[in-house]
């Protein structure tokens, strides 16, 4: 029984599988709705949340700013994927 488990474990970790982490950083293409959510979230945080709670307002503004910056990086650094029409 133990030998069968060992064989299964070896099959799962075969060298034919692709490496998950290659050591180099790659940008992931994000959807445009991610950028839209960051813009809308920033404005809601600024005009609705910030006057009620300063700490939460600033925290969410920083979060949505980071999301916006990530979407800008994704636009410039992500690989272009050709679609077939």
C-alpha atoms as a PDB file:
ATOM      1  CA  UNK A   1       0.000   0.000   0.000  1.00  0.00           C
ATOM      2  CA  UNK A   2       2.826   2.386   0.862  1.00  0.00           C
ATOM      3  CA  UNK A   3       4.577   1.652  -2.429  1.00  0.00           C
ATOM      4  CA  UNK A   4       1.472   2.630  -4.383  1.00  0.00           C
ATOM      5  CA  UNK A   5       1.286   5.930  -2.519  1.00  0.00           C
ATOM      6  CA  UNK A   6       4.940   6.623  -3.241  1.00  0.00           C
ATOM      7  CA  UNK A   7       4.422   5.909  -6.947  1.00  0.00           C
ATOM      8  CA  UNK A   8       1.430   8.266  -7.016  1.00  0.00           C
ATOM      9  CA  UNK A   9       3.471  10.975  -5.339  1.00  0.00           C
ATOM     10  CA  UNK A  10       6.219  10.576  -7.934  1.00  0.00           C
ATOM     11  CA  UNK A  11       3.693  10.805 -10.747  1.00  0.00           C
ATOM     12  CA  UNK A  12       2.319  14.054  -9.366  1.00  0.00           C
ATOM     13  CA  UNK A  13       5.760  15.649  -9.207  1.00  0.00           C
ATOM     14  CA  UNK A  14       7.080  14.627 -12.595  1.00  0.00           C
ATOM     15  CA  UNK A  15       9.728  16.844 -14.227  1.00  0.00           C
ATOM     16  CA  UNK A  16       7.519  17.225 -17.309  1.00  0.00           C
ATOM     17  CA  UNK A  17       5.293  19.705 -15.491  1.00  0.00           C
ATOM     18  CA  UNK A  18       5.860  23.406 -16.056  1.00  0.00           C
ATOM     19  CA  UNK A  19       7.543  25.435 -13.385  1.00  0.00           C
ATOM     20  CA  UNK A  20       5.112  27.538 -11.417  1.00  0.00           C
ATOM     21  CA  UNK A  21       7.692  30.124 -10.400  1.00  0.00           C
ATOM     22  CA  UNK A  22      10.437  30.829 -12.893  1.00  0.00           C
ATOM     23  CA  UNK A  23      12.217  33.438 -10.762  1.00  0.00           C
ATOM     24  CA  UNK A  24      11.368  36.410 -12.965  1.00  0.00           C
ATOM     25  CA  UNK A  25       8.474  38.768 -12.266  1.00  0.00           C
ATOM     26  CA  UNK A  26       5.708  38.876 -14.883  1.00  0.00           C
ATOM     27  CA  UNK A  27       2.814  41.314 -14.969  1.00  0.00           C
ATOM     28  CA  UNK A  28      -0.644  39.795 -15.161  1.00  0.00           C
ATOM     29  CA  UNK A  29      -3.166  41.285 -17.583  1.00  0.00           C
ATOM     30  CA  UNK A  30      -6.037  42.711 -15.519  1.00  0.00           C
ATOM     31  CA  UNK A  31      -9.529  43.477 -16.702  1.00  0.00           C
ATOM     32  CA  UNK A  32     -10.631  47.042 -17.318  1.00  0.00           C
ATOM     33  CA  UNK A  33     -13.326  46.614 -14.665  1.00  0.00           C
ATOM     34  CA  UNK A  34     -10.509  46.399 -12.090  1.00  0.00           C
ATOM     35  CA  UNK A  35      -9.420  49.930 -12.986  1.00  0.00           C
ATOM     36  CA  UNK A  36     -13.012  51.141 -12.982  1.00  0.00           C
ATOM     37  CA  UNK A  37     -13.595  49.623  -9.533  1.00  0.00           C
ATOM     38  CA  UNK A  38     -10.489  51.359  -8.192  1.00  0.00           C
ATOM     39  CA  UNK A  39     -11.593  54.757  -9.509  1.00  0.00           C
ATOM     40  CA  UNK A  40     -15.156  54.426  -8.236  1.00  0.00           C
ATOM     41  CA  UNK A  41     -13.942  53.049  -4.900  1.00  0.00           C
ATOM     42  CA  UNK A  42     -11.551  55.962  -4.463  1.00  0.00           C
ATOM     43  CA  UNK A  43     -14.291  58.513  -5.094  1.00  0.00           C
ATOM     44  CA  UNK A  44     -16.727  56.765  -2.748  1.00  0.00           C
ATOM     45  CA  UNK A  45     -14.040  56.612  -0.075  1.00  0.00           C
ATOM     46  CA  UNK A  46     -13.249  60.288  -0.544  1.00  0.00           C
ATOM     47  CA  UNK A  47     -16.745  61.742  -0.572  1.00  0.00           C
ATOM     48  CA  UNK A  48     -18.749  59.320   1.556  1.00  0.00           C
ATOM     49  CA  UNK A  49     -16.440  57.384   3.902  1.00  0.00           C
ATOM     50  CA  UNK A  50     -13.745  59.977   4.710  1.00  0.00           C
ATOM     51  CA  UNK A  51     -16.130  62.526   6.300  1.00  0.00           C
ATOM     52  CA  UNK A  52     -17.641  59.839   8.553  1.00  0.00           C
ATOM     53  CA  UNK A  53     -14.423  58.071   9.581  1.00  0.00           C
ATOM     54  CA  UNK A  54     -11.028  59.585   8.832  1.00  0.00           C
ATOM     55  CA  UNK A  55      -9.064  56.388   9.548  1.00  0.00           C
ATOM     56  CA  UNK A  56     -11.183  54.158   7.325  1.00  0.00           C
ATOM     57  CA  UNK A  57     -11.355  56.852   4.643  1.00  0.00           C
ATOM     58  CA  UNK A  58      -7.597  57.180   4.372  1.00  0.00           C
ATOM     59  CA  UNK A  59      -7.121  53.405   4.526  1.00  0.00           C
ATOM     60  CA  UNK A  60      -9.526  52.748   1.676  1.00  0.00           C
ATOM     61  CA  UNK A  61      -8.137  55.624  -0.385  1.00  0.00           C
ATOM     62  CA  UNK A  62      -4.665  54.058  -0.085  1.00  0.00           C
ATOM     63  CA  UNK A  63      -6.081  50.645  -1.022  1.00  0.00           C
ATOM     64  CA  UNK A  64      -7.881  51.931  -4.117  1.00  0.00           C
ATOM     65  CA  UNK A  65      -4.846  53.978  -5.128  1.00  0.00           C
ATOM     66  CA  UNK A  66      -2.736  50.797  -4.976  1.00  0.00           C
ATOM     67  CA  UNK A  67      -5.338  49.034  -7.124  1.00  0.00           C
ATOM     68  CA  UNK A  68      -5.194  51.867  -9.666  1.00  0.00           C
ATOM     69  CA  UNK A  69      -1.392  51.744  -9.799  1.00  0.00           C
ATOM     70  CA  UNK A  70      -1.536  47.952 -10.274  1.00  0.00           C
ATOM     71  CA  UNK A  71      -3.921  48.389 -13.204  1.00  0.00           C
ATOM     72  CA  UNK A  72      -1.596  50.979 -14.791  1.00  0.00           C
ATOM     73  CA  UNK A  73       1.365  48.620 -14.431  1.00  0.00           C
ATOM     74  CA  UNK A  74      -0.737  45.854 -15.934  1.00  0.00           C
ATOM     75  CA  UNK A  75      -1.578  48.027 -18.942  1.00  0.00           C
ATOM     76  CA  UNK A  76       2.044  48.834 -19.689  1.00  0.00           C
ATOM     77  CA  UNK A  77       3.930  45.659 -18.712  1.00  0.00           C
ATOM     78  CA  UNK A  78       1.545  42.763 -19.388  1.00  0.00           C
ATOM     79  CA  UNK A  79       2.092  40.687 -22.524  1.00  0.00           C
ATOM     80  CA  UNK A  80      -0.245  41.289 -25.432  1.00  0.00           C
ATOM     81  CA  UNK A  81      -2.457  38.298 -26.127  1.00  0.00           C
ATOM     82  CA  UNK A  82      -3.654  37.988 -29.718  1.00  0.00           C
ATOM     83  CA  UNK A  83      -7.267  36.934 -30.049  1.00  0.00           C
ATOM     84  CA  UNK A  84      -8.658  35.111 -33.050  1.00  0.00           C
ATOM     85  CA  UNK A  85     -11.731  36.633 -34.619  1.00  0.00           C
END
